[in-house]
Amino acid sequence: MIKRFEGHSSELETLVNDKNPSCRLLCLKEENSLDKVYGSVAERLSSSELRRIDHLFKNIGQLKPEPRRRVGLLFTVLEEKHAVEVVESYDFDDVFRKMLLDTIKNIDTLRLTNSKDQLKKLISEVGWESFEYMHGIDKAEHIVYNNPSFKLEARILMLKDIKNGEPVLVEDLAINAKDIIALGLADETETAKRLLWAVLSDVHKDPSINRKEKLLRLVAKYRRNKLFTLGRYINWIK
């Protein structure tokens, strides 16, 4: 049992991977010891957060014993600002920390996606690893909260098509920054990257245009419209 909050991720994973995680977690809640999981945020939890935590603790044992997925659920029940604060207080490795933060900040967007190009946009923003983790968290939440599954089932079908070879990331494009610079369409790498993000949105909608000649023509078109280029998907740029 966790004696006090010290931010040790290994203790948290051991806790949720217990043979009866619901019992151990509910005991912490009944003893007013949620700080052992959520640190100082525990005393600032809202009533709605506490209700979600109670529901999760009662049903988390329904899930397969996948510690990192169960750990993620402990954070997605919280409001975003609280979840981020708690995650940052743990000693998670950098890769898992990114997956958790990407999930916390984007899972609502995932739930609202209803087209392949929206789904591809999200994947391109967070990367495949974080996306797959987020998708797994959402599937787990459907079990824990008995959510309707029609949107999840639709997403699974869209993902099947996407994984069948459709371009998703900038790296999947038939051109790169060097191609753009070599043709004089950009004089620096950052401008070339912005142009790549611009054409990526078109490729998401129509994968068949992912050919070098077509993409370079699109780049030339967007290069002439600087205002459009700089404003389009500017939030994607890492």
C-alpha atoms as a PDB file:
ATOM      1  CA  MET A   1       0.000   0.000   0.000  1.00  0.00           C
ATOM      2  CA  ILE A   2       1.195   3.498  -0.793  1.00  0.00           C
ATOM      3  CA  LYS A   3       2.094   5.118   2.546  1.00  0.00           C
ATOM      4  CA  ARG A   4       2.271   8.687   1.282  1.00  0.00           C
ATOM      5  CA  PHE A   5       2.468  10.487  -2.033  1.00  0.00           C
ATOM      6  CA  GLU A   6       6.029  10.573  -3.368  1.00  0.00           C
ATOM      7  CA  GLY A   7       5.351  10.465  -7.103  1.00  0.00           C
ATOM      8  CA  HIS A   8       6.653   6.934  -7.655  1.00  0.00           C
ATOM      9  CA  SER A   9       5.029   5.627 -10.832  1.00  0.00           C
ATOM     10  CA  SER A  10       6.021   2.040 -10.002  1.00  0.00           C
ATOM     11  CA  GLU A  11       3.877   2.153  -6.840  1.00  0.00           C
ATOM     12  CA  LEU A  12       0.925   3.451  -8.834  1.00  0.00           C
ATOM     13  CA  GLU A  13       1.244   0.701 -11.432  1.00  0.00           C
ATOM     14  CA  THR A  14       1.472  -1.915  -8.682  1.00  0.00           C
ATOM     15  CA  LEU A  15      -1.659  -0.510  -7.065  1.00  0.00           C
ATOM     16  CA  VAL A  16      -3.828  -0.641 -10.198  1.00  0.00           C
ATOM     17  CA  ASN A  17      -2.458  -4.062 -11.177  1.00  0.00           C
ATOM     18  CA  ASP A  18      -3.531  -5.645  -7.892  1.00  0.00           C
ATOM     19  CA  LYS A  19      -5.763  -8.730  -8.074  1.00  0.00           C
ATOM     20  CA  ASN A  20      -8.539  -6.606  -6.582  1.00  0.00           C
ATOM     21  CA  PRO A  21      -7.721  -3.004  -7.552  1.00  0.00           C
ATOM     22  CA  SER A  22     -11.264  -1.811  -6.836  1.00  0.00           C
ATOM     23  CA  CYS A  23     -10.995  -2.832  -3.191  1.00  0.00           C
ATOM     24  CA  ARG A  24      -7.652  -1.111  -2.671  1.00  0.00           C
ATOM     25  CA  LEU A  25      -8.658   2.069  -4.463  1.00  0.00           C
ATOM     26  CA  LEU A  26     -12.026   2.319  -2.724  1.00  0.00           C
ATOM     27  CA  CYS A  27     -10.302   1.847   0.631  1.00  0.00           C
ATOM     28  CA  LEU A  28      -8.118   4.864  -0.135  1.00  0.00           C
ATOM     29  CA  LYS A  29     -11.207   6.904  -0.987  1.00  0.00           C
ATOM     30  CA  GLU A  30     -13.086   5.826   2.147  1.00  0.00           C
ATOM     31  CA  GLU A  31     -10.061   6.671   4.290  1.00  0.00           C
ATOM     32  CA  ASN A  32      -9.859  10.142   2.702  1.00  0.00           C
ATOM     33  CA  SER A  33      -6.450   9.160   1.378  1.00  0.00           C
ATOM     34  CA  LEU A  34      -6.816  10.087  -2.287  1.00  0.00           C
ATOM     35  CA  ASP A  35      -3.724  12.232  -1.825  1.00  0.00           C
ATOM     36  CA  LYS A  36      -1.737   8.982  -2.001  1.00  0.00           C
ATOM     37  CA  VAL A  37      -2.744   8.829  -5.675  1.00  0.00           C
ATOM     38  CA  TYR A  38      -3.411  12.451  -6.586  1.00  0.00           C
ATOM     39  CA  GLY A  39      -1.047  14.321  -4.275  1.00  0.00           C
ATOM     40  CA  SER A  40      -2.053  17.850  -3.275  1.00  0.00           C
ATOM     41  CA  VAL A  41      -4.672  17.939  -6.047  1.00  0.00           C
ATOM     42  CA  ALA A  42      -6.811  15.561  -3.944  1.00  0.00           C
ATOM     43  CA  GLU A  43      -7.972  18.376  -1.688  1.00  0.00           C
ATOM     44  CA  ARG A  44      -9.083  20.432  -4.699  1.00  0.00           C
ATOM     45  CA  LEU A  45     -11.166  17.809  -6.501  1.00  0.00           C
ATOM     46  CA  SER A  46     -14.655  18.868  -7.522  1.00  0.00           C
ATOM     47  CA  SER A  47     -17.786  16.901  -6.685  1.00  0.00           C
ATOM     48  CA  SER A  48     -18.093  15.770 -10.312  1.00  0.00           C
ATOM     49  CA  GLU A  49     -14.504  14.542 -10.294  1.00  0.00           C
ATOM     50  CA  LEU A  50     -15.156  12.617  -7.082  1.00  0.00           C
ATOM     51  CA  ARG A  51     -18.230  10.975  -8.619  1.00  0.00           C
ATOM     52  CA  ARG A  52     -16.233   9.900 -11.668  1.00  0.00           C
ATOM     53  CA  ILE A  53     -13.430   8.605  -9.443  1.00  0.00           C
ATOM     54  CA  ASP A  54     -15.919   6.573  -7.400  1.00  0.00           C
ATOM     55  CA  HIS A  55     -17.382   5.016 -10.562  1.00  0.00           C
ATOM     56  CA  LEU A  56     -13.926   4.230 -11.929  1.00  0.00           C
ATOM     57  CA  PHE A  57     -12.696   2.678  -8.702  1.00  0.00           C
ATOM     58  CA  LYS A  58     -15.759   0.410  -8.548  1.00  0.00           C
ATOM     59  CA  ASN A  59     -15.361  -0.806 -12.124  1.00  0.00           C
ATOM     60  CA  ILE A  60     -11.641  -0.731 -12.926  1.00  0.00           C
ATOM     61  CA  GLY A  61     -11.369  -4.442 -12.138  1.00  0.00           C
ATOM     62  CA  GLN A  62     -13.467  -5.198 -15.250  1.00  0.00           C
ATOM     63  CA  LEU A  63     -10.493  -4.315 -17.425  1.00  0.00           C
ATOM     64  CA  LYS A  64      -7.647  -6.548 -18.497  1.00  0.00           C
ATOM     65  CA  PRO A  65      -4.625  -6.154 -16.175  1.00  0.00           C
ATOM     66  CA  GLU A  66      -2.788  -3.599 -18.309  1.00  0.00           C
ATOM     67  CA  PRO A  67      -1.164  -1.315 -15.681  1.00  0.00           C
ATOM     68  CA  ARG A  68      -0.404   1.647 -17.941  1.00  0.00           C
ATOM     69  CA  ARG A  69      -3.892   1.736 -19.388  1.00  0.00           C
ATOM     70  CA  ARG A  70      -5.383   1.578 -15.896  1.00  0.00           C
ATOM     71  CA  VAL A  71      -3.009   4.337 -14.772  1.00  0.00           C
ATOM     72  CA  GLY A  72      -4.230   6.530 -17.624  1.00  0.00           C
ATOM     73  CA  LEU A  73      -7.829   6.120 -16.498  1.00  0.00           C
ATOM     74  CA  LEU A  74      -6.891   7.524 -13.079  1.00  0.00           C
ATOM     75  CA  PHE A  75      -6.069  10.800 -14.839  1.00  0.00           C
ATOM     76  CA  THR A  76      -8.769  11.034 -17.505  1.00  0.00           C
ATOM     77  CA  VAL A  77     -11.421  11.178 -14.752  1.00  0.00           C
ATOM     78  CA  LEU A  78      -9.942  14.512 -13.680  1.00  0.00           C
ATOM     79  CA  GLU A  79     -10.362  17.962 -15.162  1.00  0.00           C
ATOM     80  CA  GLU A  80      -7.532  18.685 -17.575  1.00  0.00           C
ATOM     81  CA  LYS A  81      -5.651  21.167 -15.373  1.00  0.00           C
ATOM     82  CA  HIS A  82      -5.763  18.776 -12.413  1.00  0.00           C
ATOM     83  CA  ALA A  83      -4.753  15.787 -14.515  1.00  0.00           C
ATOM     84  CA  VAL A  84      -1.768  17.617 -16.011  1.00  0.00           C
ATOM     85  CA  GLU A  85      -0.623  18.758 -12.567  1.00  0.00           C
ATOM     86  CA  VAL A  86      -0.756  15.228 -11.157  1.00  0.00           C
ATOM     87  CA  VAL A  87       0.986  13.642 -14.142  1.00  0.00           C
ATOM     88  CA  GLU A  88       3.792  16.195 -13.896  1.00  0.00           C
ATOM     89  CA  SER A  89       4.302  15.266 -10.229  1.00  0.00           C
ATOM     90  CA  TYR A  90       5.066  11.609 -11.046  1.00  0.00           C
ATOM     91  CA  ASP A  91       8.396  10.180 -12.204  1.00  0.00           C
ATOM     92  CA  PHE A  92       7.031   8.689 -15.418  1.00  0.00           C
ATOM     93  CA  ASP A  93       9.535   8.134 -18.214  1.00  0.00           C
ATOM     94  CA  ASP A  94       9.442  10.775 -20.938  1.00  0.00           C
ATOM     95  CA  VAL A  95       7.697   8.583 -23.513  1.00  0.00           C
ATOM     96  CA  PHE A  96       4.867   7.544 -21.199  1.00  0.00           C
ATOM     97  CA  ARG A  97       4.529  11.075 -19.811  1.00  0.00           C
ATOM     98  CA  LYS A  98       3.997  12.374 -23.367  1.00  0.00           C
ATOM     99  CA  MET A  99       1.403   9.677 -24.046  1.00  0.00           C
ATOM    100  CA  LEU A 100      -0.474  10.597 -20.866  1.00  0.00           C
ATOM    101  CA  LEU A 101      -0.391  14.343 -21.521  1.00  0.00           C
ATOM    102  CA  ASP A 102      -1.390  13.919 -25.170  1.00  0.00           C
ATOM    103  CA  THR A 103      -4.311  11.768 -24.045  1.00  0.00           C
ATOM    104  CA  ILE A 104      -5.437  14.173 -21.326  1.00  0.00           C
ATOM    105  CA  LYS A 105      -5.350  17.145 -23.696  1.00  0.00           C
ATOM    106  CA  ASN A 106      -6.838  15.468 -26.769  1.00  0.00           C
ATOM    107  CA  ILE A 107      -9.214  12.686 -25.732  1.00  0.00           C
ATOM    108  CA  ASP A 108     -12.253  14.970 -26.009  1.00  0.00           C
ATOM    109  CA  THR A 109     -11.210  15.779 -29.585  1.00  0.00           C
ATOM    110  CA  LEU A 110     -10.888  12.056 -30.284  1.00  0.00           C
ATOM    111  CA  ARG A 111     -14.420  11.437 -29.036  1.00  0.00           C
ATOM    112  CA  LEU A 112     -15.772  14.118 -31.384  1.00  0.00           C
ATOM    113  CA  THR A 113     -14.016  12.958 -34.563  1.00  0.00           C
ATOM    114  CA  ASN A 114     -16.456  11.752 -37.200  1.00  0.00           C
ATOM    115  CA  SER A 115     -14.395  11.630 -40.398  1.00  0.00           C
ATOM    116  CA  LYS A 116     -11.143  10.101 -41.562  1.00  0.00           C
ATOM    117  CA  ASP A 117      -9.480  13.436 -42.303  1.00  0.00           C
ATOM    118  CA  GLN A 118     -10.265  14.642 -38.741  1.00  0.00           C
ATOM    119  CA  LEU A 119      -8.842  11.411 -37.362  1.00  0.00           C
ATOM    120  CA  LYS A 120      -5.703  11.730 -39.491  1.00  0.00           C
ATOM    121  CA  LYS A 121      -5.264  15.326 -38.372  1.00  0.00           C
ATOM    122  CA  LEU A 122      -5.296  14.231 -34.728  1.00  0.00           C
ATOM    123  CA  ILE A 123      -2.844  11.396 -35.379  1.00  0.00           C
ATOM    124  CA  SER A 124      -0.482  13.775 -37.174  1.00  0.00           C
ATOM    125  CA  GLU A 125      -0.589  16.148 -34.189  1.00  0.00           C
ATOM    126  CA  VAL A 126       0.251  13.617 -31.463  1.00  0.00           C
ATOM    127  CA  GLY A 127       1.942  10.784 -33.368  1.00  0.00           C
ATOM    128  CA  TRP A 128       0.900   7.148 -33.712  1.00  0.00           C
ATOM    129  CA  GLU A 129       2.186   6.005 -30.309  1.00  0.00           C
ATOM    130  CA  SER A 130       0.218   8.575 -28.320  1.00  0.00           C
ATOM    131  CA  PHE A 131      -2.817   8.083 -30.535  1.00  0.00           C
ATOM    132  CA  GLU A 132      -2.900   4.322 -30.038  1.00  0.00           C
ATOM    133  CA  TYR A 133      -2.620   4.814 -26.274  1.00  0.00           C
ATOM    134  CA  MET A 134      -5.423   7.415 -26.315  1.00  0.00           C
ATOM    135  CA  HIS A 135      -7.588   5.127 -28.432  1.00  0.00           C
ATOM    136  CA  GLY A 136      -6.980   2.321 -25.920  1.00  0.00           C
ATOM    137  CA  ILE A 137      -7.973   4.587 -23.027  1.00  0.00           C
ATOM    138  CA  ASP A 138     -11.195   5.496 -24.800  1.00  0.00           C
ATOM    139  CA  LYS A 139     -11.988   1.813 -25.411  1.00  0.00           C
ATOM    140  CA  ALA A 140     -11.371   1.097 -21.719  1.00  0.00           C
ATOM    141  CA  GLU A 141     -13.675   3.947 -20.727  1.00  0.00           C
ATOM    142  CA  HIS A 142     -16.446   2.411 -22.815  1.00  0.00           C
ATOM    143  CA  ILE A 143     -16.170  -0.696 -20.641  1.00  0.00           C
ATOM    144  CA  VAL A 144     -15.873   1.103 -17.314  1.00  0.00           C
ATOM    145  CA  TYR A 145     -18.692   3.579 -17.954  1.00  0.00           C
ATOM    146  CA  ASN A 146     -20.794   1.377 -20.265  1.00  0.00           C
ATOM    147  CA  ASN A 147     -20.802   4.116 -22.916  1.00  0.00           C
ATOM    148  CA  PRO A 148     -22.624   3.692 -26.245  1.00  0.00           C
ATOM    149  CA  SER A 149     -20.197   2.132 -28.706  1.00  0.00           C
ATOM    150  CA  PHE A 150     -21.399   3.324 -32.118  1.00  0.00           C
ATOM    151  CA  LYS A 151     -18.817   6.144 -32.408  1.00  0.00           C
ATOM    152  CA  LEU A 152     -16.019   3.846 -31.229  1.00  0.00           C
ATOM    153  CA  GLU A 153     -17.031   1.185 -33.752  1.00  0.00           C
ATOM    154  CA  ALA A 154     -17.104   3.787 -36.535  1.00  0.00           C
ATOM    155  CA  ARG A 155     -13.634   4.982 -35.550  1.00  0.00           C
ATOM    156  CA  ILE A 156     -12.269   1.432 -35.590  1.00  0.00           C
ATOM    157  CA  LEU A 157     -13.530   1.022 -39.163  1.00  0.00           C
ATOM    158  CA  MET A 158     -11.962   4.339 -40.209  1.00  0.00           C
ATOM    159  CA  LEU A 159      -8.656   3.332 -38.607  1.00  0.00           C
ATOM    160  CA  LYS A 160      -8.696   0.076 -40.551  1.00  0.00           C
ATOM    161  CA  ASP A 161      -8.839   2.064 -43.793  1.00  0.00           C
ATOM    162  CA  ILE A 162      -6.184   4.532 -42.641  1.00  0.00           C
ATOM    163  CA  LYS A 163      -3.778   1.777 -41.605  1.00  0.00           C
ATOM    164  CA  ASN A 164      -4.190   0.214 -45.025  1.00  0.00           C
ATOM    165  CA  GLY A 165      -1.618   2.661 -46.370  1.00  0.00           C
ATOM    166  CA  GLU A 166      -3.183   6.112 -46.323  1.00  0.00           C
ATOM    167  CA  PRO A 167      -0.695   8.965 -45.665  1.00  0.00           C
ATOM    168  CA  VAL A 168      -1.117  10.485 -42.207  1.00  0.00           C
ATOM    169  CA  LEU A 169       2.118  12.113 -41.057  1.00  0.00           C
ATOM    170  CA  VAL A 170       4.284  14.731 -42.754  1.00  0.00           C
ATOM    171  CA  GLU A 171       6.848  11.954 -43.132  1.00  0.00           C
ATOM    172  CA  ASP A 172       4.318  10.057 -45.280  1.00  0.00           C
ATOM    173  CA  LEU A 173       4.216  12.794 -47.926  1.00  0.00           C
ATOM    174  CA  ALA A 174       5.846  12.209 -51.308  1.00  0.00           C
ATOM    175  CA  ILE A 175       7.922  15.384 -50.785  1.00  0.00           C
ATOM    176  CA  ASN A 176      10.032  16.783 -47.962  1.00  0.00           C
ATOM    177  CA  ALA A 177      11.494  20.112 -46.920  1.00  0.00           C
ATOM    178  CA  LYS A 178      14.601  19.565 -49.051  1.00  0.00           C
ATOM    179  CA  ASP A 179      12.476  19.181 -52.198  1.00  0.00           C
ATOM    180  CA  ILE A 180      10.719  22.480 -51.499  1.00  0.00           C
ATOM    181  CA  ILE A 181      13.956  24.343 -50.799  1.00  0.00           C
ATOM    182  CA  ALA A 182      15.678  22.829 -53.848  1.00  0.00           C
ATOM    183  CA  LEU A 183      12.980  24.285 -56.138  1.00  0.00           C
ATOM    184  CA  GLY A 184      13.300  27.701 -54.545  1.00  0.00           C
ATOM    185  CA  LEU A 185       9.789  27.545 -53.043  1.00  0.00           C
ATOM    186  CA  ALA A 186      11.225  28.260 -49.596  1.00  0.00           C
ATOM    187  CA  ASP A 187      14.535  29.668 -48.445  1.00  0.00           C
ATOM    188  CA  GLU A 188      14.537  28.136 -44.967  1.00  0.00           C
ATOM    189  CA  THR A 189      13.509  24.880 -43.324  1.00  0.00           C
ATOM    190  CA  GLU A 190      10.820  26.413 -41.084  1.00  0.00           C
ATOM    191  CA  THR A 191       8.960  27.906 -44.058  1.00  0.00           C
ATOM    192  CA  ALA A 192       9.222  24.576 -45.883  1.00  0.00           C
ATOM    193  CA  LYS A 193       7.757  22.783 -42.855  1.00  0.00           C
ATOM    194  CA  ARG A 194       4.786  25.152 -42.798  1.00  0.00           C
ATOM    195  CA  LEU A 195       4.174  24.429 -46.449  1.00  0.00           C
ATOM    196  CA  LEU A 196       4.343  20.687 -45.798  1.00  0.00           C
ATOM    197  CA  TRP A 197       1.698  20.994 -43.077  1.00  0.00           C
ATOM    198  CA  ALA A 198      -0.475  22.962 -45.486  1.00  0.00           C
ATOM    199  CA  VAL A 199      -0.429  20.303 -48.206  1.00  0.00           C
ATOM    200  CA  LEU A 200      -0.834  17.529 -45.630  1.00  0.00           C
ATOM    201  CA  SER A 201      -4.377  18.723 -44.940  1.00  0.00           C
ATOM    202  CA  ASP A 202      -5.230  18.229 -48.625  1.00  0.00           C
ATOM    203  CA  VAL A 203      -3.647  14.772 -48.655  1.00  0.00           C
ATOM    204  CA  HIS A 204      -5.726  13.826 -45.606  1.00  0.00           C
ATOM    205  CA  LYS A 205      -8.854  14.586 -47.620  1.00  0.00           C
ATOM    206  CA  ASP A 206      -7.634  12.978 -50.846  1.00  0.00           C
ATOM    207  CA  PRO A 207      -4.749  10.482 -50.457  1.00  0.00           C
ATOM    208  CA  SER A 208      -4.539  10.011 -54.232  1.00  0.00           C
ATOM    209  CA  ILE A 209      -2.827  13.408 -54.630  1.00  0.00           C
ATOM    210  CA  ASN A 210       0.189  12.246 -52.632  1.00  0.00           C
ATOM    211  CA  ARG A 211       2.473  12.402 -55.661  1.00  0.00           C
ATOM    212  CA  LYS A 212       5.574  14.530 -55.901  1.00  0.00           C
ATOM    213  CA  GLU A 213       4.517  16.589 -58.904  1.00  0.00           C
ATOM    214  CA  LYS A 214       1.022  17.307 -57.575  1.00  0.00           C
ATOM    215  CA  LEU A 215       2.263  18.226 -54.122  1.00  0.00           C
ATOM    216  CA  LEU A 216       4.917  20.572 -55.450  1.00  0.00           C
ATOM    217  CA  ARG A 217       2.247  22.342 -57.513  1.00  0.00           C
ATOM    218  CA  LEU A 218       0.171  22.721 -54.352  1.00  0.00           C
ATOM    219  CA  VAL A 219       3.191  24.067 -52.484  1.00  0.00           C
ATOM    220  CA  ALA A 220       3.742  26.671 -55.218  1.00  0.00           C
ATOM    221  CA  LYS A 221       0.077  27.667 -54.975  1.00  0.00           C
ATOM    222  CA  TYR A 222       0.219  28.084 -51.186  1.00  0.00           C
ATOM    223  CA  ARG A 223       3.589  29.825 -51.360  1.00  0.00           C
ATOM    224  CA  ARG A 224       2.006  32.594 -53.417  1.00  0.00           C
ATOM    225  CA  ASN A 225      -0.610  33.070 -50.691  1.00  0.00           C
ATOM    226  CA  LYS A 226       1.549  33.711 -47.624  1.00  0.00           C
ATOM    227  CA  LEU A 227      -1.364  34.666 -45.401  1.00  0.00           C
ATOM    228  CA  PHE A 228      -3.129  31.377 -46.152  1.00  0.00           C
ATOM    229  CA  THR A 229      -0.014  29.293 -45.700  1.00  0.00           C
ATOM    230  CA  LEU A 230       0.945  30.791 -42.345  1.00  0.00           C
ATOM    231  CA  GLY A 231      -2.567  30.482 -40.976  1.00  0.00           C
ATOM    232  CA  ARG A 232      -3.420  26.990 -42.098  1.00  0.00           C
ATOM    233  CA  TYR A 233      -2.959  24.386 -39.364  1.00  0.00           C
ATOM    234  CA  ILE A 234      -0.372  26.628 -37.710  1.00  0.00           C
ATOM    235  CA  ASN A 235      -1.088  24.833 -34.423  1.00  0.00           C
ATOM    236  CA  TRP A 236       0.272  21.591 -35.896  1.00  0.00           C
ATOM    237  CA  ILE A 237       3.802  22.905 -36.130  1.00  0.00           C
ATOM    238  CA  LYS A 238       6.021  21.352 -33.465  1.00  0.00           C
END
